Every structure is written in C-alpha cells, then in structure tokens.
Amino acid sequence: MAEHVGAIDQGTTSTRFAIIDGDGVIVAMAQREHRQIFPNPGWVEHDPDEIWDNTVAVIGEALEIAGLRPRDLAAVGITNQRETVVAWSRTTGRPLGNAIVWQDTRTAERCRDLDADHGDRFRRLTGLPIASYFSGPKMRHMIDHGAGVADAEGLAFGTIDAWLAWKLTGRFVTDVTNASRTLLMRLEDLAWDDELAAIVGVPTSALPEIVPSSGHLGTCRGPLDGVPLAGILGDQQAALFGQAGFDEGAAKNTYGTGCFLLVNTGERIAVSDHGLLTTVAYQRKGDRPRYALEGSVAIAGAAVQWLRDNLGLIDDAPEVEALARAVDDNGGVYFVPAFSGLFAPWWSDDARGVIVGLTRYANRHHLARATLESTAYQTRDVVEAMEKDAGFRLDELRVDGGMVANTLLMQFQADILGLPIVVPETTETTVLGAAYAAGLGVGFWPDLAGLSAQWRSARRYEPSMPEGRRGDLVAHWHRAVERSMGWV
C-alpha cells in the first residue's frame, strides 16, 4: 500500500515537487526556478515548455531523494500560480507563445473599457472586478496579438493547472478555484458563462472542463506513470486548505511573491463592498463548494527580489532582515511597491511604485526596512476591508509562506495589525494543501477532521505597539499610497 502523496507546486518564480507522508510531513522536496520574461514595462511572461521541463525534473529529483518510485505514491495534487494563462494547440501539443503572468498589466485599457460597460454584471456573476489581474482578458489579448493563436487547430486556453494536468494525463481540465479567477465562470453553479465569455471575446470551446478540487481527476503518464491525479487547487486556496481552514470563519495570509488573505465563508457567497474578491475556496467531489473572501496584494516577496536583482542591495533574500535590523525604524521612508498597480482594496491599475519621505538621513537600511514594512501595511489594508465585509474582527491571523521566517516582519505585522500572528509547524502550507486535496480524493486521508488534528502552532507573535503610534504610521502609509496613484 502506498504510504506517500506527491504535490506539484508551480509558483510564479519556481516549480517544486514534494512528497508527503500520512502525518503531513514533507519527506522530500526539489525545486527549480524559471525565467521571468519582461518584454515591455508592465509585461510579465513565462515559458510554458520551461515550466513543464522543470516539473519533470523536480519530480525525478524528489523521488530520488526519497528513494521512491511513482507507484509508491497514492496520488498527486497540483497547486499553481493563478490567473497566469497558457495558450496551446491540443492537436500539436505545443504552446502558442509564452504564458501571460498574473502580474501582467497589458490588458489594463481593455479592462477599463469592459468595466465601464459591464463591470456590475461581472462582479455579480463572478465575484470579481474587471481588472488586468484576471485570466479572461489575457486570453483575448492572445487571440488578438499572439502569432497563430486565432486560427490554431484545437485551441486551448488554460491556467497553469490546466496546462500541467493536460501534460500529465491528457485531460483538458481545470478546478473550480482556478476557474473562479478567469472572469468567465459563474459562482452560483460553477459553469462557464457563454454571455460573459462573448463580452470578453473568448470562445468557450477553447476552455477546459471545470472539475472539483478533490477527487479522481485522471491518471498520470510520463514522469508519474499510473499515479492518480486527485487534487487541484489554486495556490492561495491550497494554502488555506493546508492551514486546515476548512470551516467558515477560518482565515490565513500567505507571504510569497504576492500576499494573499483568504477567509472561508462556507457555502455562502459573500459579496464584498470594500474591494475584496469573492472566490471559490475548494470543492470536494460530490459536495457543495465552499467559498471565500480574498484580498490580493501584488508585490510582497517580489519587492525583496527587486532589492536583490534590480538594486543589488542584497545577494540573497534572507539578508534583508539583517539589513533592516541595523536601524530602529524606517527613518520616515515609505515604499509602495505598486510595480503592477495596486490590488485589494484599492484596485488601481494606474498606480506605480514610489519611495517617499527621503532625506539625507535615509540609507539602504531604511529602504530595506521600508520594503519589509510595505508588506505588513498592505496586509493591514486588506484585513480592515475583510473585517468590514465579514462584520467581525479576527482573533488571530494564521500565516505561511517564505517570508514568515523573517521575525522582524512578523513582529511588525502583529504590531501594525494589533493582532496575534500565528505561524504553523509546517509553513509549506501551499504544497501541503495540494497533497491534502489529492490524498482526500483517493481516501489516503479519510476526512477533514483528521487533517485539522494535524495542524500545530510553532510560533506566536503578540502585538506590543501603542495604538497611537500605530495610527500615526498607518496615516503616513496611506499618504504614500495616495502618491502612488495616477502615474499611468
């Protein structure tokens, strides 16, 4: 009997494959980065073939580390960067150009026109504002401008989960969480909407079958030959699942390339009046879907990468904490990393990154600290919006992602929120969530209650900042945000 589950975590900057045992412990993991392609300002692309090649490589590497073969896995799950779109031909099997990444803003003008005419309808049916963030307008751009896309035989549009599922199993499917990020799926019945697709200009014949997040979804071939594909979740929903956020009211925040807060609203489709998104949290095969409110921040860990790659202030991302700790505060410097506009709760496509409050006193340490603090401030803005929509205040915030290792950031997050921040023992909750969905789909884990019992806290940060100080800092942050808007 197989004693492990595999999980593919295809993220914005890298692809990983993890092998998880029955106690939810990661026993092996391999990772490879892929190129970030920037053809024009505000444009971001990935090479789908490179992503697939990396996926094959990390599967082999992790199996070798664990000393296992594909047949030793009970199931495999996929979690993925959401909203990023791949176009390919199901006839030739080849991608039709690079993928357009979720951060890309090239469709902003089209989205403004669509919003002026149809914004209320899209929000009502899909739970989403019309914005360049989402997948549908990217598909239309590919039709209009991609070489050979408009007349491709067997045209397929899919988010990264659909591309990987097709490469692994030959099935053209996407799960409900990823479909809910396209602007093309109705939340009520989880089906593509022909009229919305026609407004955007995307043929529904090119869209994948929508399937549950957990259940037998196909049988793999190639690098995972014979292994059931039994779970698919967009990365943020996977993190909520990995945090055991199965019940209404459960909330988590993930600190990765971007920063994403989700609160489970159960079977209720909660409409936001404060700039949040309504989305699908997950669906188990045979069950009704669970929904969520989400606040999305475009740039979090990516701002630290910018310090490393563009400015050369650090050689490795973890160095930013030591650089920031060399000063007691931000020296009056505020950094709004609106490289691709501002997401929740502002939804400003015309915003761009700004650094304000500079004096001769400011130095690279203050800039490093302002970079970390920007993530905490953006999270606070989202939490405030979520609490207004939900009608209650959080007791604590469970957190995960690579940046939770930064103790300076986590303490500042607790201080600026006035809430305890709780880090779980297993911070790789995204990959864990994909594994949980897959394992549940084949009965490897019998129920959600057992998975909830496996969740344990590792660290807890209590707020210690006086309320008056917190209010002053937030007011300065909001002044900086105002100055970032209207640049395009």
Protein backbone atom coordinates (compact mmCIF):
# COMPACT_ATOMS: atom_id res chain seq x y z
CA MET A 1 0.00 0.00 0.00
CA ALA A 2 1.34 3.44 -0.95
CA GLU A 3 2.36 5.48 2.07
CA HIS A 4 3.01 8.86 0.45
CA VAL A 5 1.32 11.54 -1.65
CA GLY A 6 3.01 13.84 -4.16
CA ALA A 7 2.33 17.52 -4.80
CA ILE A 8 3.40 19.77 -7.67
CA ASP A 9 3.70 23.41 -6.57
CA GLN A 10 4.03 25.52 -9.72
CA GLY A 11 4.64 29.06 -8.49
CA THR A 12 5.42 32.42 -10.00
CA THR A 13 9.17 32.07 -9.72
CA SER A 14 9.79 28.33 -9.39
CA THR A 15 8.39 24.81 -9.61
CA ARG A 16 8.62 22.32 -6.75
CA PHE A 17 7.68 18.73 -6.18
CA ALA A 18 7.13 17.49 -2.64
CA ILE A 19 6.49 14.04 -1.19
CA ILE A 20 4.34 13.96 1.97
CA ASP A 21 3.70 11.11 4.39
CA GLY A 22 0.50 10.23 6.24
CA ASP A 23 1.33 12.58 9.15
CA GLY A 24 1.58 15.54 6.80
CA VAL A 25 5.38 15.64 6.99
CA ILE A 26 7.34 16.63 3.89
CA VAL A 27 9.92 13.87 3.43
CA ALA A 28 11.48 15.14 0.19
CA MET A 29 11.32 18.24 -1.99
CA ALA A 30 13.05 19.50 -5.13
CA GLN A 31 12.83 22.97 -6.67
CA ARG A 32 13.87 24.78 -9.86
CA GLU A 33 13.44 28.45 -10.77
CA HIS A 34 12.28 29.56 -14.19
CA ARG A 35 12.94 32.76 -16.13
CA GLN A 36 10.94 35.93 -15.63
CA ILE A 37 10.46 37.50 -19.07
CA PHE A 38 9.75 41.25 -19.31
CA PRO A 39 9.16 42.22 -22.98
CA ASN A 40 7.83 45.71 -22.11
CA PRO A 41 7.17 47.79 -18.97
CA GLY A 42 4.33 46.16 -17.04
CA TRP A 43 4.50 42.94 -19.10
CA VAL A 44 5.45 39.64 -17.45
CA GLU A 45 5.72 36.29 -19.26
CA HIS A 46 6.79 32.69 -18.61
CA ASP A 47 7.83 29.92 -21.00
CA PRO A 48 5.31 27.02 -20.66
CA ASP A 49 7.80 24.48 -22.03
CA GLU A 50 10.39 25.57 -19.46
CA ILE A 51 7.81 25.15 -16.70
CA TRP A 52 6.92 21.65 -17.92
CA ASP A 53 10.58 20.65 -18.25
CA ASN A 54 11.22 21.88 -14.71
CA THR A 55 8.19 19.96 -13.47
CA VAL A 56 9.51 16.72 -14.94
CA ALA A 57 12.96 17.41 -13.47
CA VAL A 58 11.80 18.14 -9.90
CA ILE A 59 9.53 15.09 -9.88
CA GLY A 60 12.51 12.89 -10.68
CA GLU A 61 14.78 14.65 -8.20
CA ALA A 62 12.33 14.41 -5.29
CA LEU A 63 11.58 10.75 -5.95
CA GLU A 64 15.31 10.05 -5.98
CA ILE A 65 15.83 11.93 -2.71
CA ALA A 66 13.03 9.92 -1.07
CA GLY A 67 14.16 6.64 -2.61
CA LEU A 68 10.69 6.10 -4.08
CA ARG A 69 9.16 5.22 -7.44
CA PRO A 70 5.97 6.73 -8.92
CA ARG A 71 3.99 3.62 -7.95
CA ASP A 72 4.84 4.36 -4.30
CA LEU A 73 2.60 7.45 -4.42
CA ALA A 74 -1.10 7.06 -3.61
CA ALA A 75 -1.97 10.22 -5.57
CA VAL A 76 -0.60 13.52 -6.78
CA GLY A 77 -2.02 17.02 -6.48
CA ILE A 78 -1.32 20.28 -8.30
CA THR A 79 -1.23 23.77 -6.88
CA ASN A 80 -0.36 26.67 -9.12
CA GLN A 81 0.10 30.37 -9.67
CA ARG A 82 -3.40 31.52 -10.53
CA GLU A 83 -4.61 33.76 -13.40
CA THR A 84 -1.48 33.08 -15.48
CA VAL A 85 -2.67 31.93 -18.93
CA VAL A 86 -1.20 29.44 -21.39
CA ALA A 87 -2.47 29.04 -24.96
CA TRP A 88 -1.66 25.80 -26.78
CA SER A 89 -2.85 23.55 -29.56
CA ARG A 90 -4.38 20.25 -28.49
CA THR A 91 -3.58 18.99 -31.97
CA THR A 92 0.16 19.64 -31.93
CA GLY A 93 0.61 19.69 -28.17
CA ARG A 94 2.72 22.84 -28.43
CA PRO A 95 2.23 26.16 -26.60
CA LEU A 96 1.35 29.13 -28.81
CA GLY A 97 3.86 31.55 -27.31
CA ASN A 98 4.72 32.50 -23.76
CA ALA A 99 2.26 32.46 -20.88
CA ILE A 100 0.95 35.85 -19.73
CA VAL A 101 1.52 36.06 -15.97
CA TRP A 102 -0.99 37.24 -13.38
CA GLN A 103 1.13 40.33 -12.62
CA ASP A 104 0.97 41.49 -16.26
CA THR A 105 -0.85 44.81 -16.91
CA ARG A 106 -1.03 44.89 -20.73
CA THR A 107 -4.81 44.40 -20.68
CA ALA A 108 -5.48 47.36 -18.37
CA GLU A 109 -7.01 49.60 -21.05
CA ARG A 110 -9.26 46.82 -22.33
CA CYS A 111 -10.34 46.10 -18.77
CA ARG A 112 -11.23 49.75 -18.13
CA ASP A 113 -13.46 49.74 -21.22
CA LEU A 114 -15.09 46.47 -20.18
CA ASP A 115 -15.63 47.73 -16.66
CA ALA A 116 -17.33 50.90 -17.84
CA ASP A 117 -19.89 48.90 -19.80
CA HIS A 118 -20.23 45.62 -17.90
CA GLY A 119 -18.49 45.88 -14.52
CA ASP A 120 -21.55 45.39 -12.32
CA ARG A 121 -22.64 42.29 -14.23
CA PHE A 122 -19.25 40.62 -13.97
CA ARG A 123 -18.99 41.40 -10.28
CA ARG A 124 -22.46 39.99 -9.61
CA LEU A 125 -21.91 36.73 -11.50
CA THR A 126 -18.21 36.04 -10.95
CA GLY A 127 -17.46 37.84 -7.69
CA LEU A 128 -14.59 39.70 -9.37
CA PRO A 129 -13.95 43.25 -10.52
CA ILE A 130 -12.82 43.58 -14.11
CA ALA A 131 -9.05 44.01 -13.80
CA SER A 132 -5.89 43.07 -15.69
CA TYR A 133 -5.14 40.61 -12.87
CA PHE A 134 -7.63 38.05 -14.15
CA SER A 135 -7.34 35.48 -16.92
CA GLY A 136 -10.13 36.17 -19.42
CA PRO A 137 -8.80 39.46 -20.86
CA LYS A 138 -5.35 37.86 -21.17
CA MET A 139 -6.89 35.16 -23.36
CA ARG A 140 -8.47 37.78 -25.60
CA HIS A 141 -5.13 39.59 -25.91
CA MET A 142 -3.54 36.33 -27.06
CA ILE A 143 -6.22 35.92 -29.75
CA ASP A 144 -5.65 39.46 -30.98
CA HIS A 145 -1.87 39.58 -30.81
CA GLY A 146 -0.45 36.05 -30.44
CA ALA A 147 1.07 34.56 -33.56
CA GLY A 148 -1.15 31.71 -34.76
CA VAL A 149 -3.49 31.78 -31.77
CA ALA A 150 -6.67 32.98 -33.50
CA ASP A 151 -6.60 30.23 -36.14
CA ALA A 152 -4.93 27.46 -34.10
CA GLU A 153 -6.37 23.97 -34.57
CA GLY A 154 -7.63 22.61 -31.26
CA LEU A 155 -7.06 25.91 -29.46
CA ALA A 156 -6.79 25.53 -25.68
CA PHE A 157 -6.69 28.26 -23.07
CA GLY A 158 -5.85 27.29 -19.52
CA THR A 159 -4.31 28.45 -16.32
CA ILE A 160 -1.13 26.63 -15.30
CA ASP A 161 -3.05 23.83 -13.58
CA ALA A 162 -4.80 23.02 -16.86
CA TRP A 163 -1.51 23.01 -18.76
CA LEU A 164 0.12 20.63 -16.27
CA ALA A 165 -2.95 18.39 -15.96
CA TRP A 166 -3.08 18.09 -19.76
CA LYS A 167 0.63 17.29 -19.99
CA LEU A 168 0.36 14.73 -17.18
CA THR A 169 -2.92 13.00 -18.04
CA GLY A 170 -4.10 14.14 -21.48
CA ARG A 171 -7.30 15.51 -19.90
CA PHE A 172 -8.24 19.15 -20.52
CA VAL A 173 -9.49 20.18 -17.07
CA THR A 174 -9.26 22.99 -14.54
CA ASP A 175 -10.57 23.01 -10.99
CA VAL A 176 -13.24 25.32 -9.59
CA THR A 177 -10.77 27.52 -7.70
CA ASN A 178 -8.75 28.35 -10.80
CA ALA A 179 -11.86 28.72 -12.98
CA SER A 180 -13.20 31.23 -10.47
CA ARG A 181 -10.26 33.55 -11.31
CA THR A 182 -10.97 33.92 -15.02
CA LEU A 183 -13.94 36.36 -15.04
CA LEU A 184 -15.72 33.71 -17.11
CA MET A 185 -17.24 31.31 -14.51
CA ARG A 186 -20.49 31.83 -12.62
CA LEU A 187 -20.00 31.33 -8.88
CA GLU A 188 -23.53 30.08 -8.34
CA ASP A 189 -23.36 26.93 -10.50
CA LEU A 190 -19.61 26.70 -11.29
CA ALA A 191 -20.11 26.81 -15.06
CA TRP A 192 -18.63 28.88 -17.88
CA ASP A 193 -20.95 31.74 -18.81
CA ASP A 194 -21.40 32.00 -22.59
CA GLU A 195 -22.50 35.63 -22.49
CA LEU A 196 -19.61 36.80 -20.30
CA ALA A 197 -17.16 34.90 -22.49
CA ALA A 198 -18.66 36.56 -25.58
CA ILE A 199 -18.30 40.01 -23.99
CA VAL A 200 -14.62 39.35 -23.23
CA GLY A 201 -14.19 37.73 -26.65
CA VAL A 202 -13.13 34.21 -25.65
CA PRO A 203 -14.66 31.10 -27.25
CA THR A 204 -15.89 28.69 -24.58
CA SER A 205 -14.88 25.83 -26.89
CA ALA A 206 -11.27 26.70 -26.01
CA LEU A 207 -11.86 26.45 -22.26
CA PRO A 208 -11.26 23.35 -20.13
CA GLU A 209 -13.80 21.23 -18.30
CA ILE A 210 -14.39 22.53 -14.77
CA VAL A 211 -13.87 19.82 -12.13
CA PRO A 212 -13.85 19.63 -8.29
CA SER A 213 -10.68 20.42 -6.34
CA SER A 214 -10.52 16.97 -4.73
CA GLY A 215 -11.44 13.65 -6.36
CA HIS A 216 -10.09 11.34 -9.04
CA LEU A 217 -9.38 13.70 -11.96
CA GLY A 218 -7.28 11.48 -14.24
CA THR A 219 -4.39 9.04 -14.36
CA CYS A 220 -0.88 10.32 -14.95
CA ARG A 221 1.56 9.12 -17.57
CA GLY A 222 5.19 10.02 -18.20
CA PRO A 223 7.11 11.01 -15.04
CA LEU A 224 4.28 9.89 -12.74
CA ASP A 225 3.02 6.97 -14.79
CA GLY A 226 -0.01 5.31 -13.23
CA VAL A 227 -0.42 7.77 -10.33
CA PRO A 228 -3.94 9.22 -9.89
CA LEU A 229 -4.22 12.98 -10.28
CA ALA A 230 -6.68 13.62 -7.46
CA GLY A 231 -6.33 17.24 -6.38
CA ILE A 232 -6.04 20.69 -7.96
CA LEU A 233 -6.13 23.98 -6.04
CA GLY A 234 -5.00 27.48 -6.91
CA ASP A 235 -2.06 28.36 -4.70
CA GLN A 236 -3.89 30.58 -2.21
CA GLN A 237 -6.78 28.18 -1.78
CA ALA A 238 -4.21 25.42 -1.32
CA ALA A 239 -2.59 27.42 1.48
CA LEU A 240 -5.98 27.83 3.19
CA PHE A 241 -6.51 24.07 2.82
CA GLY A 242 -3.03 23.36 4.18
CA GLN A 243 -3.77 25.62 7.17
CA ALA A 244 -6.81 23.40 7.89
CA GLY A 245 -9.06 26.35 7.05
CA PHE A 246 -11.99 24.08 6.27
CA ASP A 247 -14.63 25.85 8.36
CA GLU A 248 -16.49 29.12 7.98
CA GLY A 249 -14.54 31.97 9.58
CA ALA A 250 -11.09 30.40 9.16
CA ALA A 251 -8.56 32.92 7.78
CA LYS A 252 -4.96 32.80 6.60
CA ASN A 253 -2.42 35.10 4.98
CA THR A 254 0.31 33.82 2.66
CA TYR A 255 3.53 35.79 2.13
CA GLY A 256 5.10 34.85 -1.17
CA THR A 257 5.73 36.72 -4.41
CA GLY A 258 2.45 38.44 -3.63
CA CYS A 259 0.50 38.45 -0.40
CA PHE A 260 -2.95 36.90 -0.10
CA LEU A 261 -5.54 36.84 2.68
CA LEU A 262 -8.46 34.40 2.49
CA VAL A 263 -11.36 33.92 4.89
CA ASN A 264 -13.65 30.92 4.47
CA THR A 265 -17.33 31.93 4.17
CA GLY A 266 -18.67 28.36 4.00
CA GLU A 267 -21.46 27.69 1.49
CA ARG A 268 -22.33 31.41 1.46
CA ILE A 269 -21.30 33.58 -1.50
CA ALA A 270 -20.31 36.74 0.38
CA VAL A 271 -20.33 39.95 -1.67
CA SER A 272 -17.65 42.50 -0.81
CA ASP A 273 -18.33 46.23 -0.56
CA HIS A 274 -14.73 47.08 0.30
CA GLY A 275 -12.56 45.93 -2.57
CA LEU A 276 -12.21 42.22 -1.83
CA LEU A 277 -12.87 39.33 -4.18
CA THR A 278 -15.44 36.59 -3.84
CA THR A 279 -13.92 33.30 -4.90
CA VAL A 280 -14.23 29.53 -4.51
CA ALA A 281 -12.28 28.15 -1.53
CA TYR A 282 -12.50 24.48 -2.55
CA GLN A 283 -14.90 21.73 -3.58
CA ARG A 284 -14.70 18.06 -2.77
CA LYS A 285 -16.21 15.71 -5.35
CA GLY A 286 -19.87 15.15 -4.54
CA ASP A 287 -20.07 18.09 -2.10
CA ARG A 288 -21.25 21.65 -2.42
CA PRO A 289 -18.47 24.20 -2.95
CA ARG A 290 -17.06 26.31 -0.13
CA TYR A 291 -16.49 29.99 -0.87
CA ALA A 292 -14.11 32.66 0.42
CA LEU A 293 -13.43 36.37 0.51
CA GLU A 294 -9.93 37.24 -0.65
CA GLY A 295 -7.68 40.23 -0.55
CA SER A 296 -4.79 40.12 -3.03
CA VAL A 297 -1.55 42.12 -2.80
CA ALA A 298 0.53 42.02 -5.98
CA ILE A 299 4.01 42.62 -4.57
CA ALA A 300 5.34 41.25 -1.27
CA GLY A 301 8.37 38.95 -1.54
CA ALA A 302 8.84 40.28 -5.08
CA ALA A 303 9.82 43.62 -3.55
CA VAL A 304 12.70 41.90 -1.74
CA GLN A 305 13.68 40.26 -5.04
CA TRP A 306 13.71 43.75 -6.57
CA LEU A 307 16.17 44.90 -3.89
CA ARG A 308 18.34 41.92 -4.79
CA ASP A 309 18.06 41.76 -8.57
CA ASN A 310 17.49 45.37 -9.63
CA LEU A 311 19.30 47.40 -6.95
CA GLY A 312 21.91 44.89 -5.77
CA LEU A 313 21.41 45.82 -2.10
CA ILE A 314 21.49 42.17 -1.04
CA ASP A 315 22.86 38.95 -2.51
CA ASP A 316 20.17 36.65 -1.11
CA ALA A 317 16.61 37.42 0.00
CA PRO A 318 17.11 36.36 3.68
CA GLU A 319 19.80 39.07 4.03
CA VAL A 320 17.11 41.75 4.00
CA GLU A 321 16.23 41.11 7.66
CA ALA A 322 19.76 41.78 8.92
CA LEU A 323 19.97 44.87 6.71
CA ALA A 324 16.67 46.18 8.10
CA ARG A 325 17.56 45.38 11.73
CA ALA A 326 20.54 47.72 11.56
CA VAL A 327 18.12 50.63 12.17
CA ASP A 328 15.38 51.06 14.77
CA ASP A 329 12.70 52.26 12.35
CA ASN A 330 12.13 53.26 8.73
CA GLY A 331 13.62 56.72 9.17
CA GLY A 332 10.45 58.26 7.74
CA VAL A 333 10.81 56.29 4.47
CA TYR A 334 7.76 54.57 2.94
CA PHE A 335 7.91 52.30 -0.10
CA VAL A 336 4.72 51.50 -2.05
CA PRO A 337 5.74 48.62 -4.39
CA ALA A 338 2.97 49.19 -6.97
CA PHE A 339 5.06 47.80 -9.83
CA SER A 340 1.93 46.36 -11.48
CA GLY A 341 -0.64 48.70 -9.98
CA LEU A 342 -2.37 48.19 -6.65
CA PHE A 343 -4.67 45.25 -5.96
CA ALA A 344 -7.07 44.96 -2.99
CA PRO A 345 -8.59 47.04 -1.61
CA TRP A 346 -7.56 49.84 -4.00
CA TRP A 347 -7.71 48.18 -7.46
CA SER A 348 -5.72 50.94 -9.13
CA ASP A 349 -4.19 49.87 -12.47
CA ASP A 350 -2.64 53.32 -12.89
CA ALA A 351 -0.57 53.19 -9.69
CA ARG A 352 3.21 52.68 -9.86
CA GLY A 353 5.89 52.15 -7.24
CA VAL A 354 7.02 55.13 -5.19
CA ILE A 355 9.51 55.74 -2.38
CA VAL A 356 8.59 58.79 -0.27
CA GLY A 357 9.97 60.53 2.80
CA LEU A 358 13.58 60.52 1.63
CA THR A 359 16.08 62.81 3.37
CA ARG A 360 19.87 62.86 3.59
CA TYR A 361 19.43 60.81 6.77
CA ALA A 362 17.89 57.87 4.87
CA ASN A 363 20.14 54.99 3.83
CA ARG A 364 19.95 51.45 2.47
CA HIS A 365 18.96 50.09 5.88
CA HIS A 366 15.90 52.33 5.98
CA LEU A 367 14.96 51.27 2.44
CA ALA A 368 15.26 47.59 3.41
CA ARG A 369 13.05 48.19 6.44
CA ALA A 370 10.52 50.16 4.40
CA THR A 371 10.40 47.28 1.92
CA LEU A 372 9.51 44.76 4.63
CA GLU A 373 7.04 47.13 6.26
CA SER A 374 5.23 47.66 2.95
CA THR A 375 4.08 44.03 3.07
CA ALA A 376 2.68 44.48 6.58
CA TYR A 377 0.91 47.73 5.68
CA GLN A 378 -0.68 46.21 2.58
CA THR A 379 -1.86 43.27 4.68
CA ARG A 380 -3.41 45.65 7.20
CA ASP A 381 -5.37 47.39 4.45
CA VAL A 382 -6.76 44.03 3.33
CA VAL A 383 -7.60 42.88 6.88
CA GLU A 384 -9.50 46.11 7.55
CA ALA A 385 -11.55 45.62 4.37
CA MET A 386 -12.21 41.98 5.21
CA GLU A 387 -13.42 42.78 8.71
CA LYS A 388 -15.85 45.36 7.32
CA ASP A 389 -17.26 42.84 4.85
CA ALA A 390 -17.38 39.95 7.32
CA GLY A 391 -18.78 42.05 10.16
CA PHE A 392 -16.39 40.73 12.80
CA ARG A 393 -12.80 41.23 13.96
CA LEU A 394 -10.26 38.44 13.72
CA ASP A 395 -8.94 36.95 16.94
CA GLU A 396 -5.67 35.96 15.25
CA LEU A 397 -4.17 35.55 11.81
CA ARG A 398 -2.57 32.28 10.68
CA VAL A 399 0.31 32.94 8.30
CA ASP A 400 2.51 30.96 5.94
CA GLY A 401 4.88 31.36 3.00
CA GLY A 402 8.57 32.06 2.71
CA MET A 403 8.52 35.45 4.41
CA VAL A 404 7.24 34.10 7.76
CA ALA A 405 10.86 33.14 8.53
CA ASN A 406 11.52 36.89 8.81
CA THR A 407 10.90 37.54 12.50
CA LEU A 408 11.23 41.32 12.11
CA LEU A 409 8.41 41.34 9.57
CA MET A 410 6.19 39.02 11.61
CA GLN A 411 6.51 41.13 14.77
CA PHE A 412 5.85 44.32 12.81
CA GLN A 413 2.84 42.63 11.23
CA ALA A 414 1.42 41.83 14.66
CA ASP A 415 2.13 45.38 15.82
CA ILE A 416 0.60 47.16 12.84
CA LEU A 417 -2.49 44.90 12.89
CA GLY A 418 -2.91 44.81 16.66
CA LEU A 419 -3.49 41.05 16.29
CA PRO A 420 -1.57 37.90 17.21
CA ILE A 421 0.25 36.33 14.27
CA VAL A 422 0.44 32.52 14.36
CA VAL A 423 2.99 30.50 12.37
CA PRO A 424 2.28 26.76 11.95
CA GLU A 425 4.85 23.99 12.37
CA THR A 426 4.65 23.30 8.64
CA THR A 427 4.93 26.63 6.83
CA GLU A 428 4.83 24.99 3.38
CA THR A 429 1.05 25.05 3.53
CA THR A 430 0.55 25.56 -0.21
CA VAL A 431 2.19 22.29 -1.17
CA LEU A 432 0.62 20.62 1.87
CA GLY A 433 -2.85 21.76 0.75
CA ALA A 434 -2.36 20.24 -2.70
CA ALA A 435 -1.28 16.98 -1.09
CA TYR A 436 -4.26 17.01 1.29
CA ALA A 437 -6.71 17.56 -1.59
CA ALA A 438 -5.16 14.69 -3.56
CA GLY A 439 -4.99 12.34 -0.59
CA LEU A 440 -8.61 13.01 0.34
CA GLY A 441 -9.56 12.40 -3.27
CA VAL A 442 -8.40 8.77 -3.12
CA GLY A 443 -9.11 8.04 0.56
CA PHE A 444 -5.47 8.26 1.69
CA TRP A 445 -6.79 10.57 4.43
CA PRO A 446 -10.36 9.70 5.42
CA ASP A 447 -11.79 13.08 6.39
CA LEU A 448 -11.17 16.76 7.12
CA ALA A 449 -11.33 16.29 10.90
CA GLY A 450 -8.20 14.15 10.85
CA LEU A 451 -6.33 16.78 8.84
CA SER A 452 -7.44 19.51 11.27
CA ALA A 453 -5.97 17.49 14.13
CA GLN A 454 -2.56 17.50 12.39
CA TRP A 455 -2.30 21.33 12.40
CA ARG A 456 0.01 22.68 15.12
CA SER A 457 1.33 26.14 16.00
CA ALA A 458 5.10 26.74 16.04
CA ARG A 459 5.37 30.46 16.92
CA ARG A 460 3.06 33.23 18.04
CA TYR A 461 3.78 36.97 17.78
CA GLU A 462 1.83 39.25 20.12
CA PRO A 463 1.29 42.94 19.30
CA SER A 464 3.19 45.41 21.50
CA MET A 465 2.92 48.75 19.65
CA PRO A 466 0.89 51.53 21.33
CA GLU A 467 -2.31 52.35 19.46
CA GLY A 468 -1.34 55.99 18.94
CA ARG A 469 1.95 55.03 17.32
CA ARG A 470 0.15 52.50 15.12
CA GLY A 471 -2.32 55.12 13.94
CA ASP A 472 0.43 57.61 13.03
CA LEU A 473 2.33 55.05 10.98
CA VAL A 474 -0.78 53.90 9.10
CA ALA A 475 -1.71 57.51 8.31
CA HIS A 476 1.73 58.09 6.77
CA TRP A 477 1.42 54.86 4.79
CA HIS A 478 -1.92 55.96 3.33
CA ARG A 479 -0.40 59.29 2.30
CA ALA A 480 2.28 57.34 0.44
CA VAL A 481 -0.34 55.16 -1.25
CA GLU A 482 -2.15 58.26 -2.49
CA ARG A 483 1.06 59.47 -4.11
CA SER A 484 1.48 56.19 -6.00
CA MET A 485 -1.79 56.55 -7.89
CA GLY A 486 -2.45 58.14 -11.27
CA TRP A 487 1.03 57.65 -12.78
CA VAL A 488 -0.11 55.85 -15.95
